[in-house]
Amino acid sequence: MSNLLFIVAAPSGAGKSTLVRRLVDRAPNRVLSVSCTTRPPRPGEVDGRDYRFMDAARFDALREAGDFLEWARVHGNCYGTSRGWIAAEQAAGRDVLLEIDWQGAAQARAIFPDAISIFILPPSMEVLAARLRGRGTDDAEVIERRLLAAREEIRHVDDFGYVIMNADLDTAYAQLASVVEAARLTLSCQRQRHPEYFAYF
């Protein structure tokens, strides 16, 4: 299949969401994976855009059928990435981006070994801490927990094929876009996308 799966991971505050959403917004043939969840929608959230909201019975049925690429229970609610949804998007001619943590990335790579994996690094832990404090949404205890989690996440950087240092958002975005474009220009992708051209040789 010529449509690709990109796995993007990063510690909280590294700029992963901003970079991925910019990448998706600028190309109609790219979509961000929409996770399934059993938690109720928050004000302003839209089913199918923010999450695919469902009850526990439906989630369990999908899990037991083996539909989830990865899933986890967080604060009493379940979250999962649907393999069927990814396959449908790729069949429709779109590349899929997974914005995921290192554990989910490991599960995704086990099922999709050809996925392109990208890790977004902050330039330093000091900069990361400043970004988290600058959000103004978390107290000091929560920020400290996020920083401890970030150190654990960064320890798994060697599992990824590409690493982008997000010291400057525009530069980091250009590098991310370059990785995506290069992946689409591999020989195997081009052969699948343009078989009629290669038939001449």
C-alpha atoms as a PDB file:
ATOM      1  CA  MET A   1       0.000   0.000   0.000  1.00  0.00           C
ATOM      2  CA  SER A   2       1.437   3.374  -0.993  1.00  0.00           C
ATOM      3  CA  ASN A   3      -0.313   5.279   1.767  1.00  0.00           C
ATOM      4  CA  LEU A   4       1.853   5.543   4.852  1.00  0.00           C
ATOM      5  CA  LEU A   5       1.572   5.424   8.617  1.00  0.00           C
ATOM      6  CA  PHE A   6       3.616   7.984  10.572  1.00  0.00           C
ATOM      7  CA  ILE A   7       4.180   7.619  14.303  1.00  0.00           C
ATOM      8  CA  VAL A   8       5.024  10.873  16.100  1.00  0.00           C
ATOM      9  CA  ALA A   9       5.975  10.838  19.778  1.00  0.00           C
ATOM     10  CA  ALA A  10       7.354  13.418  22.197  1.00  0.00           C
ATOM     11  CA  PRO A  11       7.227  14.397  25.846  1.00  0.00           C
ATOM     12  CA  SER A  12       4.481  16.783  26.899  1.00  0.00           C
ATOM     13  CA  GLY A  13       5.471  20.361  26.033  1.00  0.00           C
ATOM     14  CA  ALA A  14       7.827  19.484  23.165  1.00  0.00           C
ATOM     15  CA  GLY A  15       5.411  20.872  20.557  1.00  0.00           C
ATOM     16  CA  LYS A  16       4.249  17.588  19.040  1.00  0.00           C
ATOM     17  CA  SER A  17       0.566  18.502  18.738  1.00  0.00           C
ATOM     18  CA  THR A  18       1.264  21.885  17.150  1.00  0.00           C
ATOM     19  CA  LEU A  19       3.617  20.378  14.582  1.00  0.00           C
ATOM     20  CA  VAL A  20       1.351  17.456  13.675  1.00  0.00           C
ATOM     21  CA  ARG A  21      -1.758  19.593  13.324  1.00  0.00           C
ATOM     22  CA  ARG A  22       0.082  22.029  11.078  1.00  0.00           C
ATOM     23  CA  LEU A  23       1.244  19.115   8.953  1.00  0.00           C
ATOM     24  CA  VAL A  24      -2.286  17.730   8.627  1.00  0.00           C
ATOM     25  CA  ASP A  25      -3.882  21.124   7.952  1.00  0.00           C
ATOM     26  CA  ARG A  26      -1.574  21.776   5.000  1.00  0.00           C
ATOM     27  CA  ALA A  27      -2.274  18.585   3.024  1.00  0.00           C
ATOM     28  CA  PRO A  28      -5.677  17.075   2.198  1.00  0.00           C
ATOM     29  CA  ASN A  29      -4.217  13.595   1.853  1.00  0.00           C
ATOM     30  CA  ARG A  30      -3.070  13.425   5.502  1.00  0.00           C
ATOM     31  CA  VAL A  31      -5.206  12.709   8.554  1.00  0.00           C
ATOM     32  CA  LEU A  32      -4.542  12.599  12.256  1.00  0.00           C
ATOM     33  CA  SER A  33      -5.690   9.403  13.906  1.00  0.00           C
ATOM     34  CA  VAL A  34      -8.804   9.920  16.011  1.00  0.00           C
ATOM     35  CA  SER A  35      -8.733   7.778  19.143  1.00  0.00           C
ATOM     36  CA  CYS A  36     -11.711   5.883  20.505  1.00  0.00           C
ATOM     37  CA  THR A  37     -12.637   6.618  24.123  1.00  0.00           C
ATOM     38  CA  THR A  38     -15.226   5.682  26.705  1.00  0.00           C
ATOM     39  CA  ARG A  39     -15.057   9.031  28.459  1.00  0.00           C
ATOM     40  CA  PRO A  40     -17.908  11.480  27.812  1.00  0.00           C
ATOM     41  CA  PRO A  41     -17.300  14.450  25.500  1.00  0.00           C
ATOM     42  CA  ARG A  42     -16.178  17.707  27.075  1.00  0.00           C
ATOM     43  CA  PRO A  43     -17.826  20.987  26.090  1.00  0.00           C
ATOM     44  CA  GLY A  44     -16.889  21.858  22.510  1.00  0.00           C
ATOM     45  CA  GLU A  45     -15.602  18.410  21.595  1.00  0.00           C
ATOM     46  CA  VAL A  46     -17.020  16.829  18.439  1.00  0.00           C
ATOM     47  CA  ASP A  47     -17.465  13.123  17.863  1.00  0.00           C
ATOM     48  CA  GLY A  48     -15.222  11.964  15.026  1.00  0.00           C
ATOM     49  CA  ARG A  49     -13.012  15.053  15.209  1.00  0.00           C
ATOM     50  CA  ASP A  50     -11.625  15.086  18.748  1.00  0.00           C
ATOM     51  CA  TYR A  51     -12.381  11.477  19.639  1.00  0.00           C
ATOM     52  CA  ARG A  52     -14.689   8.673  18.588  1.00  0.00           C
ATOM     53  CA  PHE A  53     -16.882   8.555  21.675  1.00  0.00           C
ATOM     54  CA  MET A  54     -18.474   5.220  22.590  1.00  0.00           C
ATOM     55  CA  ASP A  55     -19.788   3.309  25.584  1.00  0.00           C
ATOM     56  CA  ALA A  56     -17.767   0.654  27.393  1.00  0.00           C
ATOM     57  CA  ALA A  57     -19.661  -2.222  25.760  1.00  0.00           C
ATOM     58  CA  ARG A  58     -18.776  -1.012  22.250  1.00  0.00           C
ATOM     59  CA  PHE A  59     -15.151  -0.398  23.237  1.00  0.00           C
ATOM     60  CA  ASP A  60     -14.855  -3.866  24.767  1.00  0.00           C
ATOM     61  CA  ALA A  61     -16.355  -5.455  21.651  1.00  0.00           C
ATOM     62  CA  LEU A  62     -13.772  -3.743  19.439  1.00  0.00           C
ATOM     63  CA  ARG A  63     -10.965  -4.710  21.807  1.00  0.00           C
ATOM     64  CA  GLU A  64     -12.038  -8.352  21.935  1.00  0.00           C
ATOM     65  CA  ALA A  65     -12.272  -8.395  18.124  1.00  0.00           C
ATOM     66  CA  GLY A  66      -8.624  -7.278  17.966  1.00  0.00           C
ATOM     67  CA  ASP A  67      -9.425  -3.951  16.338  1.00  0.00           C
ATOM     68  CA  PHE A  68      -7.170  -1.812  18.533  1.00  0.00           C
ATOM     69  CA  LEU A  69      -3.629  -1.110  17.440  1.00  0.00           C
ATOM     70  CA  GLU A  70      -3.028  -0.090  21.037  1.00  0.00           C
ATOM     71  CA  TRP A  71      -5.252   0.743  23.977  1.00  0.00           C
ATOM     72  CA  ALA A  72      -4.964   1.847  27.581  1.00  0.00           C
ATOM     73  CA  ARG A  73      -7.097   2.615  30.623  1.00  0.00           C
ATOM     74  CA  VAL A  74      -6.431   6.106  31.983  1.00  0.00           C
ATOM     75  CA  HIS A  75      -8.200   7.543  35.038  1.00  0.00           C
ATOM     76  CA  GLY A  76     -11.022   5.044  34.701  1.00  0.00           C
ATOM     77  CA  ASN A  77     -11.626   5.628  30.989  1.00  0.00           C
ATOM     78  CA  CYS A  78     -10.402   3.595  28.026  1.00  0.00           C
ATOM     79  CA  TYR A  79      -8.587   4.980  24.984  1.00  0.00           C
ATOM     80  CA  GLY A  80      -7.610   3.087  21.845  1.00  0.00           C
ATOM     81  CA  THR A  81      -6.421   3.450  18.249  1.00  0.00           C
ATOM     82  CA  SER A  82      -8.579   1.578  15.741  1.00  0.00           C
ATOM     83  CA  ARG A  83      -6.753  -0.566  13.170  1.00  0.00           C
ATOM     84  CA  GLY A  84      -9.911  -0.645  11.052  1.00  0.00           C
ATOM     85  CA  TRP A  85     -10.096   3.149  10.957  1.00  0.00           C
ATOM     86  CA  ILE A  86      -6.445   3.398   9.889  1.00  0.00           C
ATOM     87  CA  ALA A  87      -6.982   0.822   7.139  1.00  0.00           C
ATOM     88  CA  ALA A  88     -10.071   2.662   5.872  1.00  0.00           C
ATOM     89  CA  GLU A  89      -8.233   5.993   5.730  1.00  0.00           C
ATOM     90  CA  GLN A  90      -5.291   4.457   3.870  1.00  0.00           C
ATOM     91  CA  ALA A  91      -7.649   2.702   1.454  1.00  0.00           C
ATOM     92  CA  ALA A  92      -9.215   6.100   0.765  1.00  0.00           C
ATOM     93  CA  GLY A  93      -5.796   7.409  -0.315  1.00  0.00           C
ATOM     94  CA  ARG A  94      -4.696   9.211   2.837  1.00  0.00           C
ATOM     95  CA  ASP A  95      -1.552   8.994   4.957  1.00  0.00           C
ATOM     96  CA  VAL A  96      -2.275   8.554   8.675  1.00  0.00           C
ATOM     97  CA  LEU A  97      -0.386  10.212  11.529  1.00  0.00           C
ATOM     98  CA  LEU A  98      -0.446   8.765  15.020  1.00  0.00           C
ATOM     99  CA  GLU A  99       0.298  11.230  17.809  1.00  0.00           C
ATOM    100  CA  ILE A 100       1.170   8.797  20.555  1.00  0.00           C
ATOM    101  CA  ASP A 101       3.417   8.036  23.545  1.00  0.00           C
ATOM    102  CA  TRP A 102       6.434   5.737  23.409  1.00  0.00           C
ATOM    103  CA  GLN A 103       4.502   2.717  24.698  1.00  0.00           C
ATOM    104  CA  GLY A 104       1.789   3.101  22.074  1.00  0.00           C
ATOM    105  CA  ALA A 105       4.488   3.665  19.455  1.00  0.00           C
ATOM    106  CA  ALA A 106       6.116   0.344  20.362  1.00  0.00           C
ATOM    107  CA  GLN A 107       2.785  -1.458  19.985  1.00  0.00           C
ATOM    108  CA  ALA A 108       2.130   0.291  16.661  1.00  0.00           C
ATOM    109  CA  ARG A 109       5.552  -0.634  15.263  1.00  0.00           C
ATOM    110  CA  ALA A 110       4.995  -4.286  16.208  1.00  0.00           C
ATOM    111  CA  ILE A 111       1.890  -4.366  13.993  1.00  0.00           C
ATOM    112  CA  PHE A 112       3.087  -1.918  11.315  1.00  0.00           C
ATOM    113  CA  PRO A 113       6.869  -2.502  11.063  1.00  0.00           C
ATOM    114  CA  ASP A 114       7.057  -0.265   7.971  1.00  0.00           C
ATOM    115  CA  ALA A 115       5.625   2.742   9.827  1.00  0.00           C
ATOM    116  CA  ILE A 116       7.830   5.850   9.837  1.00  0.00           C
ATOM    117  CA  SER A 117       8.586   6.804  13.443  1.00  0.00           C
ATOM    118  CA  ILE A 118       9.558  10.340  14.453  1.00  0.00           C
ATOM    119  CA  PHE A 119      10.491  11.664  17.879  1.00  0.00           C
ATOM    120  CA  ILE A 120      10.218  15.372  18.754  1.00  0.00           C
ATOM    121  CA  LEU A 121      12.800  16.531  21.314  1.00  0.00           C
ATOM    122  CA  PRO A 122      12.864  19.784  23.264  1.00  0.00           C
ATOM    123  CA  PRO A 123      16.220  21.599  23.089  1.00  0.00           C
ATOM    124  CA  SER A 124      16.717  21.051  26.830  1.00  0.00           C
ATOM    125  CA  MET A 125      14.835  20.052  29.978  1.00  0.00           C
ATOM    126  CA  GLU A 126      15.059  23.674  31.121  1.00  0.00           C
ATOM    127  CA  VAL A 127      13.265  24.865  27.990  1.00  0.00           C
ATOM    128  CA  LEU A 128      10.680  22.106  28.389  1.00  0.00           C
ATOM    129  CA  ALA A 129      10.013  23.138  31.983  1.00  0.00           C
ATOM    130  CA  ALA A 130       9.632  26.776  30.923  1.00  0.00           C
ATOM    131  CA  ARG A 131       7.142  25.801  28.215  1.00  0.00           C
ATOM    132  CA  LEU A 132       5.067  23.757  30.637  1.00  0.00           C
ATOM    133  CA  ARG A 133       5.014  26.616  33.152  1.00  0.00           C
ATOM    134  CA  GLY A 134       4.191  29.071  30.361  1.00  0.00           C
ATOM    135  CA  ARG A 135       0.974  27.237  29.559  1.00  0.00           C
ATOM    136  CA  GLY A 136      -0.466  28.419  32.863  1.00  0.00           C
ATOM    137  CA  THR A 137      -2.731  25.368  33.085  1.00  0.00           C
ATOM    138  CA  ASP A 138      -0.934  23.146  35.624  1.00  0.00           C
ATOM    139  CA  ASP A 139       0.279  23.621  39.170  1.00  0.00           C
ATOM    140  CA  ALA A 140       3.870  22.974  40.223  1.00  0.00           C
ATOM    141  CA  GLU A 141       3.180  19.383  41.290  1.00  0.00           C
ATOM    142  CA  VAL A 142       1.629  18.459  37.939  1.00  0.00           C
ATOM    143  CA  ILE A 143       4.490  20.106  36.052  1.00  0.00           C
ATOM    144  CA  GLU A 144       7.016  18.134  38.083  1.00  0.00           C
ATOM    145  CA  ARG A 145       5.198  14.896  37.234  1.00  0.00           C
ATOM    146  CA  ARG A 146       5.207  15.842  33.553  1.00  0.00           C
ATOM    147  CA  LEU A 147       8.950  16.507  33.677  1.00  0.00           C
ATOM    148  CA  LEU A 148       9.613  13.138  35.305  1.00  0.00           C
ATOM    149  CA  ALA A 149       7.465  11.478  32.628  1.00  0.00           C
ATOM    150  CA  ALA A 150       9.355  13.431  29.952  1.00  0.00           C
ATOM    151  CA  ARG A 151      12.685  11.998  31.118  1.00  0.00           C
ATOM    152  CA  GLU A 152      11.255   8.486  30.846  1.00  0.00           C
ATOM    153  CA  GLU A 153       9.831   9.228  27.389  1.00  0.00           C
ATOM    154  CA  ILE A 154      13.145  10.648  26.124  1.00  0.00           C
ATOM    155  CA  ARG A 155      14.964   7.493  27.247  1.00  0.00           C
ATOM    156  CA  HIS A 156      13.190   5.701  24.388  1.00  0.00           C
ATOM    157  CA  VAL A 157      14.373   8.039  21.641  1.00  0.00           C
ATOM    158  CA  ASP A 158      16.638   5.311  20.238  1.00  0.00           C
ATOM    159  CA  ASP A 159      13.537   3.370  19.187  1.00  0.00           C
ATOM    160  CA  PHE A 160      12.670   5.979  16.547  1.00  0.00           C
ATOM    161  CA  GLY A 161      13.928   6.355  13.002  1.00  0.00           C
ATOM    162  CA  TYR A 162      13.952  10.166  12.929  1.00  0.00           C
ATOM    163  CA  VAL A 163      14.572  12.786  15.610  1.00  0.00           C
ATOM    164  CA  ILE A 164      13.639  16.455  15.315  1.00  0.00           C
ATOM    165  CA  MET A 165      14.845  19.060  17.804  1.00  0.00           C
ATOM    166  CA  ASN A 166      12.102  21.628  18.312  1.00  0.00           C
ATOM    167  CA  ALA A 167      14.090  24.705  19.286  1.00  0.00           C
ATOM    168  CA  ASP A 168      12.284  26.800  16.659  1.00  0.00           C
ATOM    169  CA  LEU A 169       8.765  25.845  15.561  1.00  0.00           C
ATOM    170  CA  ASP A 170       9.109  26.837  11.896  1.00  0.00           C
ATOM    171  CA  THR A 171      12.410  24.979  11.511  1.00  0.00           C
ATOM    172  CA  ALA A 172      11.040  21.904  13.252  1.00  0.00           C
ATOM    173  CA  TYR A 173       7.954  21.961  11.028  1.00  0.00           C
ATOM    174  CA  ALA A 174      10.082  22.195   7.867  1.00  0.00           C
ATOM    175  CA  GLN A 175      12.110  19.191   9.042  1.00  0.00           C
ATOM    176  CA  LEU A 176       8.981  17.180   9.854  1.00  0.00           C
ATOM    177  CA  ALA A 177       7.473  17.989   6.451  1.00  0.00           C
ATOM    178  CA  SER A 178      10.743  16.928   4.811  1.00  0.00           C
ATOM    179  CA  VAL A 179      10.665  13.541   6.526  1.00  0.00           C
ATOM    180  CA  VAL A 180       7.082  12.970   5.379  1.00  0.00           C
ATOM    181  CA  GLU A 181       7.835  13.997   1.798  1.00  0.00           C
ATOM    182  CA  ALA A 182      10.987  11.859   1.629  1.00  0.00           C
ATOM    183  CA  ALA A 183       9.077   8.827   2.903  1.00  0.00           C
ATOM    184  CA  ARG A 184       6.559   9.248   0.100  1.00  0.00           C
ATOM    185  CA  LEU A 185       9.371   9.252  -2.494  1.00  0.00           C
ATOM    186  CA  THR A 186      10.848   5.855  -1.702  1.00  0.00           C
ATOM    187  CA  LEU A 187      11.082   3.434  -4.593  1.00  0.00           C
ATOM    188  CA  SER A 188       8.438   1.099  -3.154  1.00  0.00           C
ATOM    189  CA  CYS A 189       5.949   3.943  -2.671  1.00  0.00           C
ATOM    190  CA  GLN A 190       6.549   5.343  -6.137  1.00  0.00           C
ATOM    191  CA  ARG A 191       6.166   1.904  -7.718  1.00  0.00           C
ATOM    192  CA  GLN A 192       2.819   1.418  -6.032  1.00  0.00           C
ATOM    193  CA  ARG A 193       1.625   4.955  -6.709  1.00  0.00           C
ATOM    194  CA  HIS A 194       2.688   5.026 -10.388  1.00  0.00           C
ATOM    195  CA  PRO A 195       2.819   1.435 -11.683  1.00  0.00           C
ATOM    196  CA  GLU A 196       2.078   2.569 -15.234  1.00  0.00           C
ATOM    197  CA  TYR A 197       5.246   4.674 -15.318  1.00  0.00           C
ATOM    198  CA  PHE A 198       7.504   1.872 -14.113  1.00  0.00           C
ATOM    199  CA  ALA A 199       5.979  -0.486 -16.686  1.00  0.00           C
ATOM    200  CA  TYR A 200       8.020   1.373 -19.335  1.00  0.00           C
ATOM    201  CA  PHE A 201      11.314   0.142 -17.834  1.00  0.00           C
END
